Every structure is written in C-alpha cells, then in structure tokens.
Amino acid sequence: MLELRNIHKTFNPGTVNEKTALCGLDLKLNEGDFVTVIGGNGAGKSTMLNAIAGVWLVDEGTITIDGDDVTKLPEHKRAKYLGRVFQDPMNGTAATMQIDENLALAARRGKIRSLKKGITSKEMAYFKERLATLDLGLEDRMTTKVGLLSGGQRQALTLLMAALVKPRLLLLDEHTAALDPKTAAKVLDTTQKIVDADNITTLMITHNMKDAIAHGNRLIMMHEGNIIYDVSGEEKKNLHVSDLLAKFEEVSGGSFANDRMMLN
C-alpha cells in the first residue's frame, strides 16, 4: 500500500542551517499494516510523514501509494489517497462549522462538488451512526459548533473524519500528544477500533513507547533519518520499553535522548 524507496531530504542545503532529515530511507507497508513509529528528537519521523503527504517534495527517491507514483504530486493532489490527524486538536476541523457540516466535508473528500442539497437525510443517519461509535455523545450534538468541543472530542472527531471515506493510508502524527493521559487513552482506543473495523493501512508516530508496543502489528524505530529497528508479530508483542532502549543503544551507539518519551 505504501513504498518509500531511497528517500532523501535536506533542508536549507548549502547554508549554515543545512539539516539532513532523511537519508536513503526505505519503507514498505502492506495493505492492513498498522505501523507505529518511534525515535528521538530530529530522527526524521514527522519529515517522513510530511514527505508522504506532499507537504514538501523529496530531493531523491520515489513514493508509491497503492501502486501509484505520487513522488511529484503536490499536497492537494495526494489528499484523495490519505487521511491525516495532526498533533494539534485544533487542526483537521473547521471550528465555526457544525459537527454534521464537518463530517459532510469529510464525506466529499476527493469528489466533485455540486449545488445539490448540502446534507441528505441518509447522510445524517450515517453520520449519527458513526458518531455513536465514539461513545462521546456527539451523535446527539450534531448541530453543535466544533469550536465548542473539548480537545479530546475534537481529536476523536478528526480521526472519524479522516477515516469516514476509507483512505488508502492513514497518517497519525503524534495525535494524542496534546491530550491528557485519560483522554489520550480514549482516543487511542478509538483509533484501534476504527483501524481494525475498516482494515486501514496506518502509520502512527507516537512519543509513548508503551503505546507503540501496545498498538499495531509492527513497530519501527528511526534515528538520523533512517530506520534502525523494524519488528513485528510475536516479537513485537513481547517487547518491553527496556528492550527498545537497549536496541537503540546497540544500533545507534548512544543513549536514547528524548525527555518526553523517557518520561512516558
């Protein structure tokens, strides 16, 4: 479903601020894979997701989604392939629009707009059904402005919107990092439910090693713009945080330096 081949990305080349973010990155995801991504500060995690989404073009290499080469496509043309949830709960939804209106926008992703009635009764029934799966009571508040929701409610809604029309690939960029632990756990459970229900191929960056182990069928660790550890199946299920720290030190030759991840 996703293949990255020999991806290179350097920011501010030829200047004193030159920074190599990705260097020869290779990654392949099969359909239905749920891959969690961890790594220290500046490991290249978000750069990788932004490269896939087309936020910026890569310097070298190819990006293929479901057999289509999207390497040179701009961000808006890749949107039809992707669902994405950002770290900030304020992104991904229109605050001044109602819950049902936000869902209607998500339902029309990649489709041609027309002058037909905005939201049909059939769509309203479907939106209500999908909102009920979040177990947040939002199905009874469909005309509420999204800006009045809590951060956790907005993030859960954003997640639902990203998967409303099944994407070829779902990108989750530390989507629980800005939430309190209880709300983050709720959103993660919702994530697992949505991904499992539709067998959505998913790439999830997380700052929490326990979450990276607990969720998904595969885990990759990044360091200095490349993947240094890739584990799946039973081996992943039996991992502990101490195993990940030991593996990082073994492969990178240094200790893991990321305060947020260590504290979690």
C-alpha atoms as a PDB file:
ATOM      1  CA  MET A   1       0.000   0.000   0.000  1.00  0.00           C
ATOM      2  CA  LEU A   2       2.963   2.305   0.635  1.00  0.00           C
ATOM      3  CA  GLU A   3       6.527   2.116  -0.588  1.00  0.00           C
ATOM      4  CA  LEU A   4       9.302   4.604   0.076  1.00  0.00           C
ATOM      5  CA  ARG A   5      12.487   3.950  -1.873  1.00  0.00           C
ATOM      6  CA  ASN A   6      15.809   5.700  -1.240  1.00  0.00           C
ATOM      7  CA  ILE A   7      14.184   8.858   0.139  1.00  0.00           C
ATOM      8  CA  HIS A   8      16.487  11.824   0.770  1.00  0.00           C
ATOM      9  CA  LYS A   9      15.507  15.215   2.177  1.00  0.00           C
ATOM     10  CA  THR A  10      17.835  18.043   3.230  1.00  0.00           C
ATOM     11  CA  PHE A  11      16.596  21.404   4.454  1.00  0.00           C
ATOM     12  CA  ASN A  12      18.482  24.667   3.726  1.00  0.00           C
ATOM     13  CA  PRO A  13      21.169  22.945   1.624  1.00  0.00           C
ATOM     14  CA  GLY A  14      24.411  24.850   1.192  1.00  0.00           C
ATOM     15  CA  THR A  15      23.776  27.134   4.162  1.00  0.00           C
ATOM     16  CA  VAL A  16      24.929  27.187   7.795  1.00  0.00           C
ATOM     17  CA  ASN A  17      21.456  25.853   8.685  1.00  0.00           C
ATOM     18  CA  GLU A  18      21.743  22.781   6.461  1.00  0.00           C
ATOM     19  CA  LYS A  19      19.978  19.810   8.035  1.00  0.00           C
ATOM     20  CA  THR A  20      19.737  16.333   6.560  1.00  0.00           C
ATOM     21  CA  ALA A  21      16.407  14.907   7.742  1.00  0.00           C
ATOM     22  CA  LEU A  22      16.106  11.736   5.651  1.00  0.00           C
ATOM     23  CA  CYS A  23      18.996   9.846   4.088  1.00  0.00           C
ATOM     24  CA  GLY A  24      18.241   6.835   1.893  1.00  0.00           C
ATOM     25  CA  LEU A  25      15.053   5.882   3.742  1.00  0.00           C
ATOM     26  CA  ASP A  26      13.348   2.664   2.601  1.00  0.00           C
ATOM     27  CA  LEU A  27       9.965   1.533   3.941  1.00  0.00           C
ATOM     28  CA  LYS A  28       7.236  -0.753   2.661  1.00  0.00           C
ATOM     29  CA  LEU A  29       3.757  -1.201   4.173  1.00  0.00           C
ATOM     30  CA  ASN A  30       1.420  -3.962   3.076  1.00  0.00           C
ATOM     31  CA  GLU A  31      -2.335  -3.458   2.985  1.00  0.00           C
ATOM     32  CA  GLY A  32      -3.792  -3.529   6.507  1.00  0.00           C
ATOM     33  CA  ASP A  33      -0.473  -2.883   8.274  1.00  0.00           C
ATOM     34  CA  PHE A  34      -0.713  -0.710  11.400  1.00  0.00           C
ATOM     35  CA  VAL A  35       2.831   0.550  11.948  1.00  0.00           C
ATOM     36  CA  THR A  36       3.884   2.582  14.980  1.00  0.00           C
ATOM     37  CA  VAL A  37       6.929   4.862  14.646  1.00  0.00           C
ATOM     38  CA  ILE A  38       9.228   5.991  17.463  1.00  0.00           C
ATOM     39  CA  GLY A  39      12.534   7.824  17.571  1.00  0.00           C
ATOM     40  CA  GLY A  40      14.445  10.575  19.304  1.00  0.00           C
ATOM     41  CA  ASN A  41      14.297  14.301  18.585  1.00  0.00           C
ATOM     42  CA  GLY A  42      15.212  15.018  14.962  1.00  0.00           C
ATOM     43  CA  ALA A  43      15.054  11.354  13.947  1.00  0.00           C
ATOM     44  CA  GLY A  44      13.038  12.204  10.837  1.00  0.00           C
ATOM     45  CA  LYS A  45       9.620  10.881  11.901  1.00  0.00           C
ATOM     46  CA  SER A  46       7.494  13.914  11.039  1.00  0.00           C
ATOM     47  CA  THR A  47       9.637  14.678   7.989  1.00  0.00           C
ATOM     48  CA  MET A  48       8.789  11.199   6.692  1.00  0.00           C
ATOM     49  CA  LEU A  49       5.042  11.758   7.204  1.00  0.00           C
ATOM     50  CA  ASN A  50       5.193  15.188   5.581  1.00  0.00           C
ATOM     51  CA  ALA A  51       7.090  13.725   2.632  1.00  0.00           C
ATOM     52  CA  ILE A  52       4.372  11.082   2.182  1.00  0.00           C
ATOM     53  CA  ALA A  53       1.644  13.751   2.436  1.00  0.00           C
ATOM     54  CA  GLY A  54       3.411  16.008  -0.071  1.00  0.00           C
ATOM     55  CA  VAL A  55       3.928  18.930   2.316  1.00  0.00           C
ATOM     56  CA  TRP A  56       7.294  19.181   0.605  1.00  0.00           C
ATOM     57  CA  LEU A  57       8.869  17.291  -2.281  1.00  0.00           C
ATOM     58  CA  VAL A  58      11.791  14.959  -1.601  1.00  0.00           C
ATOM     59  CA  ASP A  59      15.254  15.566  -3.043  1.00  0.00           C
ATOM     60  CA  GLU A  60      15.669  12.000  -4.245  1.00  0.00           C
ATOM     61  CA  GLY A  61      13.787   8.708  -4.273  1.00  0.00           C
ATOM     62  CA  THR A  62      10.224   7.587  -5.029  1.00  0.00           C
ATOM     63  CA  ILE A  63       6.973   7.425  -3.057  1.00  0.00           C
ATOM     64  CA  THR A  64       4.305   4.972  -4.203  1.00  0.00           C
ATOM     65  CA  ILE A  65       0.801   4.699  -2.722  1.00  0.00           C
ATOM     66  CA  ASP A  66      -1.295   1.698  -3.746  1.00  0.00           C
ATOM     67  CA  GLY A  67       0.762   1.284  -6.905  1.00  0.00           C
ATOM     68  CA  ASP A  68       0.590   4.959  -7.950  1.00  0.00           C
ATOM     69  CA  ASP A  69       3.790   7.008  -8.078  1.00  0.00           C
ATOM     70  CA  VAL A  70       2.965  10.210  -6.152  1.00  0.00           C
ATOM     71  CA  THR A  71       6.536  11.472  -5.763  1.00  0.00           C
ATOM     72  CA  LYS A  72       5.994  14.649  -7.760  1.00  0.00           C
ATOM     73  CA  LEU A  73       2.335  15.240  -6.883  1.00  0.00           C
ATOM     74  CA  PRO A  74       1.564  18.371  -4.802  1.00  0.00           C
ATOM     75  CA  GLU A  75      -0.108  18.041  -1.418  1.00  0.00           C
ATOM     76  CA  HIS A  76      -3.684  18.734  -2.592  1.00  0.00           C
ATOM     77  CA  LYS A  77      -3.486  16.014  -5.249  1.00  0.00           C
ATOM     78  CA  ARG A  78      -2.363  13.419  -2.692  1.00  0.00           C
ATOM     79  CA  ALA A  79      -5.320  14.189  -0.427  1.00  0.00           C
ATOM     80  CA  LYS A  80      -7.529  11.641  -2.205  1.00  0.00           C
ATOM     81  CA  TYR A  81      -5.186   8.866  -1.055  1.00  0.00           C
ATOM     82  CA  LEU A  82      -4.748   9.964   2.532  1.00  0.00           C
ATOM     83  CA  GLY A  83      -6.448  10.543   5.863  1.00  0.00           C
ATOM     84  CA  ARG A  84      -4.423  12.527   8.378  1.00  0.00           C
ATOM     85  CA  VAL A  85      -4.692  13.523  12.035  1.00  0.00           C
ATOM     86  CA  PHE A  86      -2.304  16.118  13.441  1.00  0.00           C
ATOM     87  CA  GLN A  87      -0.845  16.643  16.902  1.00  0.00           C
ATOM     88  CA  ASP A  88      -2.858  19.819  17.500  1.00  0.00           C
ATOM     89  CA  PRO A  89      -6.578  19.041  18.072  1.00  0.00           C
ATOM     90  CA  MET A  90      -7.376  22.460  16.583  1.00  0.00           C
ATOM     91  CA  ASN A  91      -6.191  21.248  13.158  1.00  0.00           C
ATOM     92  CA  GLY A  92      -8.284  18.992  10.977  1.00  0.00           C
ATOM     93  CA  THR A  93     -11.698  20.525  11.761  1.00  0.00           C
ATOM     94  CA  ALA A  94     -13.470  23.809  10.959  1.00  0.00           C
ATOM     95  CA  ALA A  95     -14.217  25.385  14.338  1.00  0.00           C
ATOM     96  CA  THR A  96     -17.025  27.690  13.134  1.00  0.00           C
ATOM     97  CA  MET A  97     -18.910  24.885  11.393  1.00  0.00           C
ATOM     98  CA  GLN A  98     -21.220  22.309  12.965  1.00  0.00           C
ATOM     99  CA  ILE A  99     -20.259  18.686  13.625  1.00  0.00           C
ATOM    100  CA  ASP A 100     -22.519  17.448  10.811  1.00  0.00           C
ATOM    101  CA  GLU A 101     -21.092  20.039   8.402  1.00  0.00           C
ATOM    102  CA  ASN A 102     -17.531  18.939   9.184  1.00  0.00           C
ATOM    103  CA  LEU A 103     -18.499  15.325   8.549  1.00  0.00           C
ATOM    104  CA  ALA A 104     -20.170  16.316   5.257  1.00  0.00           C
ATOM    105  CA  LEU A 105     -16.902  17.924   4.111  1.00  0.00           C
ATOM    106  CA  ALA A 106     -15.012  14.752   5.012  1.00  0.00           C
ATOM    107  CA  ALA A 107     -17.569  12.583   3.175  1.00  0.00           C
ATOM    108  CA  ARG A 108     -16.971  14.584  -0.008  1.00  0.00           C
ATOM    109  CA  ARG A 109     -13.188  14.305   0.016  1.00  0.00           C
ATOM    110  CA  GLY A 110     -11.956  13.588  -3.492  1.00  0.00           C
ATOM    111  CA  LYS A 111     -15.416  14.026  -5.033  1.00  0.00           C
ATOM    112  CA  ILE A 112     -16.723  16.706  -7.374  1.00  0.00           C
ATOM    113  CA  ARG A 113     -18.824  19.290  -5.519  1.00  0.00           C
ATOM    114  CA  SER A 114     -22.257  20.264  -6.830  1.00  0.00           C
ATOM    115  CA  LEU A 115     -25.186  22.558  -5.993  1.00  0.00           C
ATOM    116  CA  LYS A 116     -27.284  19.715  -4.597  1.00  0.00           C
ATOM    117  CA  LYS A 117     -28.688  19.814  -1.061  1.00  0.00           C
ATOM    118  CA  GLY A 118     -25.856  20.098   1.455  1.00  0.00           C
ATOM    119  CA  ILE A 119     -26.541  17.082   3.687  1.00  0.00           C
ATOM    120  CA  THR A 120     -29.103  14.425   2.831  1.00  0.00           C
ATOM    121  CA  SER A 121     -31.213  12.626   5.438  1.00  0.00           C
ATOM    122  CA  LYS A 122     -29.410   9.403   4.532  1.00  0.00           C
ATOM    123  CA  GLU A 123     -26.058  11.052   5.255  1.00  0.00           C
ATOM    124  CA  MET A 124     -27.354  12.444   8.559  1.00  0.00           C
ATOM    125  CA  ALA A 125     -28.357   8.952   9.662  1.00  0.00           C
ATOM    126  CA  TYR A 126     -24.944   7.597   8.669  1.00  0.00           C
ATOM    127  CA  PHE A 127     -23.089  10.407  10.477  1.00  0.00           C
ATOM    128  CA  LYS A 128     -25.134   9.776  13.614  1.00  0.00           C
ATOM    129  CA  GLU A 129     -24.334   6.063  13.462  1.00  0.00           C
ATOM    130  CA  ARG A 130     -20.607   6.689  13.062  1.00  0.00           C
ATOM    131  CA  LEU A 131     -20.522   9.320  15.821  1.00  0.00           C
ATOM    132  CA  ALA A 132     -22.184   6.865  18.207  1.00  0.00           C
ATOM    133  CA  THR A 133     -19.171   4.538  17.834  1.00  0.00           C
ATOM    134  CA  LEU A 134     -17.015   7.199  19.543  1.00  0.00           C
ATOM    135  CA  ASP A 135     -19.087   6.825  22.718  1.00  0.00           C
ATOM    136  CA  LEU A 136     -18.828  10.564  23.432  1.00  0.00           C
ATOM    137  CA  GLY A 137     -22.478  11.547  22.996  1.00  0.00           C
ATOM    138  CA  LEU A 138     -21.664  13.618  19.907  1.00  0.00           C
ATOM    139  CA  GLU A 139     -24.417  11.891  17.930  1.00  0.00           C
ATOM    140  CA  ASP A 140     -26.881  13.978  19.969  1.00  0.00           C
ATOM    141  CA  ARG A 141     -24.988  17.228  19.342  1.00  0.00           C
ATOM    142  CA  MET A 142     -24.649  17.216  15.575  1.00  0.00           C
ATOM    143  CA  THR A 143     -25.573  20.895  15.187  1.00  0.00           C
ATOM    144  CA  THR A 144     -23.006  22.000  17.803  1.00  0.00           C
ATOM    145  CA  LYS A 145     -20.161  24.181  16.532  1.00  0.00           C
ATOM    146  CA  VAL A 146     -16.937  22.176  16.620  1.00  0.00           C
ATOM    147  CA  GLY A 147     -15.124  25.052  18.337  1.00  0.00           C
ATOM    148  CA  LEU A 148     -17.197  24.361  21.460  1.00  0.00           C
ATOM    149  CA  LEU A 149     -15.879  20.803  21.825  1.00  0.00           C
ATOM    150  CA  SER A 150     -13.026  19.775  24.116  1.00  0.00           C
ATOM    151  CA  GLY A 151      -9.617  18.900  22.689  1.00  0.00           C
ATOM    152  CA  GLY A 152     -10.256  15.174  23.069  1.00  0.00           C
ATOM    153  CA  GLN A 153     -13.666  15.402  21.425  1.00  0.00           C
ATOM    154  CA  ARG A 154     -12.219  17.362  18.505  1.00  0.00           C
ATOM    155  CA  GLN A 155      -9.393  14.886  18.048  1.00  0.00           C
ATOM    156  CA  ALA A 156     -11.805  11.933  18.090  1.00  0.00           C
ATOM    157  CA  LEU A 157     -13.988  13.747  15.522  1.00  0.00           C
ATOM    158  CA  THR A 158     -10.933  14.495  13.359  1.00  0.00           C
ATOM    159  CA  LEU A 159      -9.994  10.817  13.481  1.00  0.00           C
ATOM    160  CA  LEU A 160     -13.506   9.809  12.421  1.00  0.00           C
ATOM    161  CA  MET A 161     -13.417  12.354   9.593  1.00  0.00           C
ATOM    162  CA  ALA A 162     -10.034  11.098   8.375  1.00  0.00           C
ATOM    163  CA  ALA A 163     -11.429   7.567   8.060  1.00  0.00           C
ATOM    164  CA  LEU A 164     -15.016   8.389   7.024  1.00  0.00           C
ATOM    165  CA  VAL A 165     -14.176   7.684   3.395  1.00  0.00           C
ATOM    166  CA  LYS A 166     -11.682   4.836   3.753  1.00  0.00           C
ATOM    167  CA  PRO A 167      -8.265   6.254   2.850  1.00  0.00           C
ATOM    168  CA  ARG A 168      -5.593   4.180   1.163  1.00  0.00           C
ATOM    169  CA  LEU A 169      -3.329   5.288   4.005  1.00  0.00           C
ATOM    170  CA  LEU A 170      -3.995   6.891   7.412  1.00  0.00           C
ATOM    171  CA  LEU A 171      -1.248   9.138   8.828  1.00  0.00           C
ATOM    172  CA  LEU A 172      -1.285   9.869  12.570  1.00  0.00           C
ATOM    173  CA  ASP A 173       1.322  12.425  13.641  1.00  0.00           C
ATOM    174  CA  GLU A 174       1.535  12.177  17.457  1.00  0.00           C
ATOM    175  CA  HIS A 175      -2.232  12.690  17.504  1.00  0.00           C
ATOM    176  CA  THR A 176      -2.542  12.117  21.271  1.00  0.00           C
ATOM    177  CA  ALA A 177       0.488  14.174  22.375  1.00  0.00           C
ATOM    178  CA  ALA A 178      -1.518  17.290  23.270  1.00  0.00           C
ATOM    179  CA  LEU A 179      -4.143  15.392  25.300  1.00  0.00           C
ATOM    180  CA  ASP A 180      -4.227  14.452  28.980  1.00  0.00           C
ATOM    181  CA  PRO A 181      -3.427  10.755  29.688  1.00  0.00           C
ATOM    182  CA  LYS A 182      -7.058   9.651  30.179  1.00  0.00           C
ATOM    183  CA  THR A 183      -8.277  11.384  27.010  1.00  0.00           C
ATOM    184  CA  ALA A 184      -5.236  10.159  25.069  1.00  0.00           C
ATOM    185  CA  ALA A 185      -6.030   6.560  26.052  1.00  0.00           C
ATOM    186  CA  LYS A 186      -9.634   7.036  24.888  1.00  0.00           C
ATOM    187  CA  VAL A 187      -8.546   8.452  21.527  1.00  0.00           C
ATOM    188  CA  LEU A 188      -6.033   5.607  21.079  1.00  0.00           C
ATOM    189  CA  ASP A 189      -8.719   3.010  21.777  1.00  0.00           C
ATOM    190  CA  THR A 190     -10.940   4.753  19.225  1.00  0.00           C
ATOM    191  CA  THR A 191      -8.051   4.731  16.760  1.00  0.00           C
ATOM    192  CA  GLN A 192      -7.576   0.981  17.155  1.00  0.00           C
ATOM    193  CA  LYS A 193     -11.324   0.385  16.707  1.00  0.00           C
ATOM    194  CA  ILE A 194     -11.575   2.461  13.526  1.00  0.00           C
ATOM    195  CA  VAL A 195      -8.412   0.968  12.003  1.00  0.00           C
ATOM    196  CA  ASP A 196      -9.489  -2.604  12.790  1.00  0.00           C
ATOM    197  CA  ALA A 197     -13.078  -2.133  11.587  1.00  0.00           C
ATOM    198  CA  ASP A 198     -12.041  -0.996   8.100  1.00  0.00           C
ATOM    199  CA  ASN A 199      -8.613  -2.682   7.918  1.00  0.00           C
ATOM    200  CA  ILE A 200      -6.991   0.696   7.210  1.00  0.00           C
ATOM    201  CA  THR A 201      -3.274   0.783   6.439  1.00  0.00           C
ATOM    202  CA  THR A 202      -1.899   3.115   9.124  1.00  0.00           C
ATOM    203  CA  LEU A 203       1.340   4.852  10.017  1.00  0.00           C
ATOM    204  CA  MET A 204       1.313   6.291  13.559  1.00  0.00           C
ATOM    205  CA  ILE A 205       4.061   8.382  15.121  1.00  0.00           C
ATOM    206  CA  THR A 206       3.969   8.330  18.916  1.00  0.00           C
ATOM    207  CA  HIS A 207       6.137   9.742  21.706  1.00  0.00           C
ATOM    208  CA  ASN A 208       4.951   6.997  24.059  1.00  0.00           C
ATOM    209  CA  MET A 209       6.922   3.736  23.821  1.00  0.00           C
ATOM    210  CA  LYS A 210       4.275   1.744  25.702  1.00  0.00           C
ATOM    211  CA  ASP A 211       1.637   2.861  23.196  1.00  0.00           C
ATOM    212  CA  ALA A 212       3.967   1.989  20.319  1.00  0.00           C
ATOM    213  CA  ILE A 213       4.265  -1.544  21.692  1.00  0.00           C
ATOM    214  CA  ALA A 214       0.587  -1.947  22.586  1.00  0.00           C
ATOM    215  CA  HIS A 215      -0.868  -0.824  19.260  1.00  0.00           C
ATOM    216  CA  GLY A 216      -0.367  -2.017  15.723  1.00  0.00           C
ATOM    217  CA  ASN A 217       1.179  -5.133  14.226  1.00  0.00           C
ATOM    218  CA  ARG A 218       4.584  -3.601  13.539  1.00  0.00           C
ATOM    219  CA  LEU A 219       6.976  -1.101  15.136  1.00  0.00           C
ATOM    220  CA  ILE A 220       9.821   0.830  13.556  1.00  0.00           C
ATOM    221  CA  MET A 221      12.458   2.965  15.269  1.00  0.00           C
ATOM    222  CA  MET A 222      14.087   5.872  13.436  1.00  0.00           C
ATOM    223  CA  HIS A 223      17.420   7.581  14.026  1.00  0.00           C
ATOM    224  CA  GLU A 224      19.209  10.245  11.967  1.00  0.00           C
ATOM    225  CA  GLY A 225      16.833   9.961   9.017  1.00  0.00           C
ATOM    226  CA  ASN A 226      16.722   6.209   8.705  1.00  0.00           C
ATOM    227  CA  ILE A 227      15.091   3.098  10.168  1.00  0.00           C
ATOM    228  CA  ILE A 228      17.360   1.305  12.622  1.00  0.00           C
ATOM    229  CA  TYR A 229      14.899  -1.258  14.003  1.00  0.00           C
ATOM    230  CA  ASP A 230      11.855  -2.954  12.475  1.00  0.00           C
ATOM    231  CA  VAL A 231       9.902  -5.537  14.468  1.00  0.00           C
ATOM    232  CA  SER A 232       6.518  -7.235  14.036  1.00  0.00           C
ATOM    233  CA  GLY A 233       4.351 -10.183  15.071  1.00  0.00           C
ATOM    234  CA  GLU A 234       5.030 -12.097  18.271  1.00  0.00           C
ATOM    235  CA  GLU A 235       8.416 -10.453  18.740  1.00  0.00           C
ATOM    236  CA  LYS A 236       6.711  -7.057  18.913  1.00  0.00           C
ATOM    237  CA  LYS A 237       4.029  -8.295  21.332  1.00  0.00           C
ATOM    238  CA  ASN A 238       6.711  -9.485  23.743  1.00  0.00           C
ATOM    239  CA  LEU A 239       8.674  -6.220  23.733  1.00  0.00           C
ATOM    240  CA  HIS A 240       9.228  -4.034  26.787  1.00  0.00           C
ATOM    241  CA  VAL A 241      10.352  -0.405  26.911  1.00  0.00           C
ATOM    242  CA  SER A 242      13.718  -1.556  28.269  1.00  0.00           C
ATOM    243  CA  ASP A 243      14.139  -3.714  25.140  1.00  0.00           C
ATOM    244  CA  LEU A 244      13.619  -0.684  22.899  1.00  0.00           C
ATOM    245  CA  LEU A 245      16.124   1.397  24.856  1.00  0.00           C
ATOM    246  CA  ALA A 246      18.689  -1.402  24.700  1.00  0.00           C
ATOM    247  CA  LYS A 247      18.116  -1.870  20.964  1.00  0.00           C
ATOM    248  CA  PHE A 248      18.546   1.865  20.349  1.00  0.00           C
ATOM    249  CA  GLU A 249      21.863   1.927  22.215  1.00  0.00           C
ATOM    250  CA  GLU A 250      23.042  -1.206  20.418  1.00  0.00           C
ATOM    251  CA  VAL A 251      22.270   0.073  16.911  1.00  0.00           C
ATOM    252  CA  SER A 252      22.990   3.798  17.318  1.00  0.00           C
ATOM    253  CA  GLY A 253      25.930   3.576  19.683  1.00  0.00           C
ATOM    254  CA  GLY A 254      24.408   6.151  22.037  1.00  0.00           C
ATOM    255  CA  SER A 255      21.724   6.579  24.673  1.00  0.00           C
ATOM    256  CA  PHE A 256      18.161   7.499  23.815  1.00  0.00           C
ATOM    257  CA  ALA A 257      17.717  11.279  24.157  1.00  0.00           C
ATOM    258  CA  ASN A 258      14.083  12.346  24.190  1.00  0.00           C
ATOM    259  CA  ASP A 259      12.740  13.603  27.504  1.00  0.00           C
ATOM    260  CA  ARG A 260       9.067  13.258  26.532  1.00  0.00           C
ATOM    261  CA  MET A 261       9.464   9.630  25.540  1.00  0.00           C
ATOM    262  CA  MET A 262      11.562   8.764  28.576  1.00  0.00           C
ATOM    263  CA  LEU A 263       9.018  10.308  30.957  1.00  0.00           C
ATOM    264  CA  ASN A 264       6.240   8.280  29.385  1.00  0.00           C
END
